[in-house]
């Protein structure tokens, strides 16, 4: 444990790590798993096969796909997925989806 310079009470290391993670925009592992699961359910297995990568950074779900039609579809469905993730998490996990075609 680390002591707060203004207080005698130690600060748990887990709190410091959580604060740093939030500052850097790194999602909680549970939020990332939940986001990936809901995203996969929302778009379906056929579309998910065309997804090359899914990451979350600073409240943005970044998705890379290999087909321009799939990219358009995901851009269209974006706000619905954001809403579903946030509702299931019980708090704001995502702000938006960024889709890239490679």
Foldseek 3Di string as FASTA:
>chain_A
DDCDPVDPDGDDPVVVVVVVCLVFQHADPVLFVLLVVLVCVVVDDVLVVQWDDWGGGNQETETEGADVVSLVVCQVCWVVSQVVSQVVVVHRRHDTYHYHHD
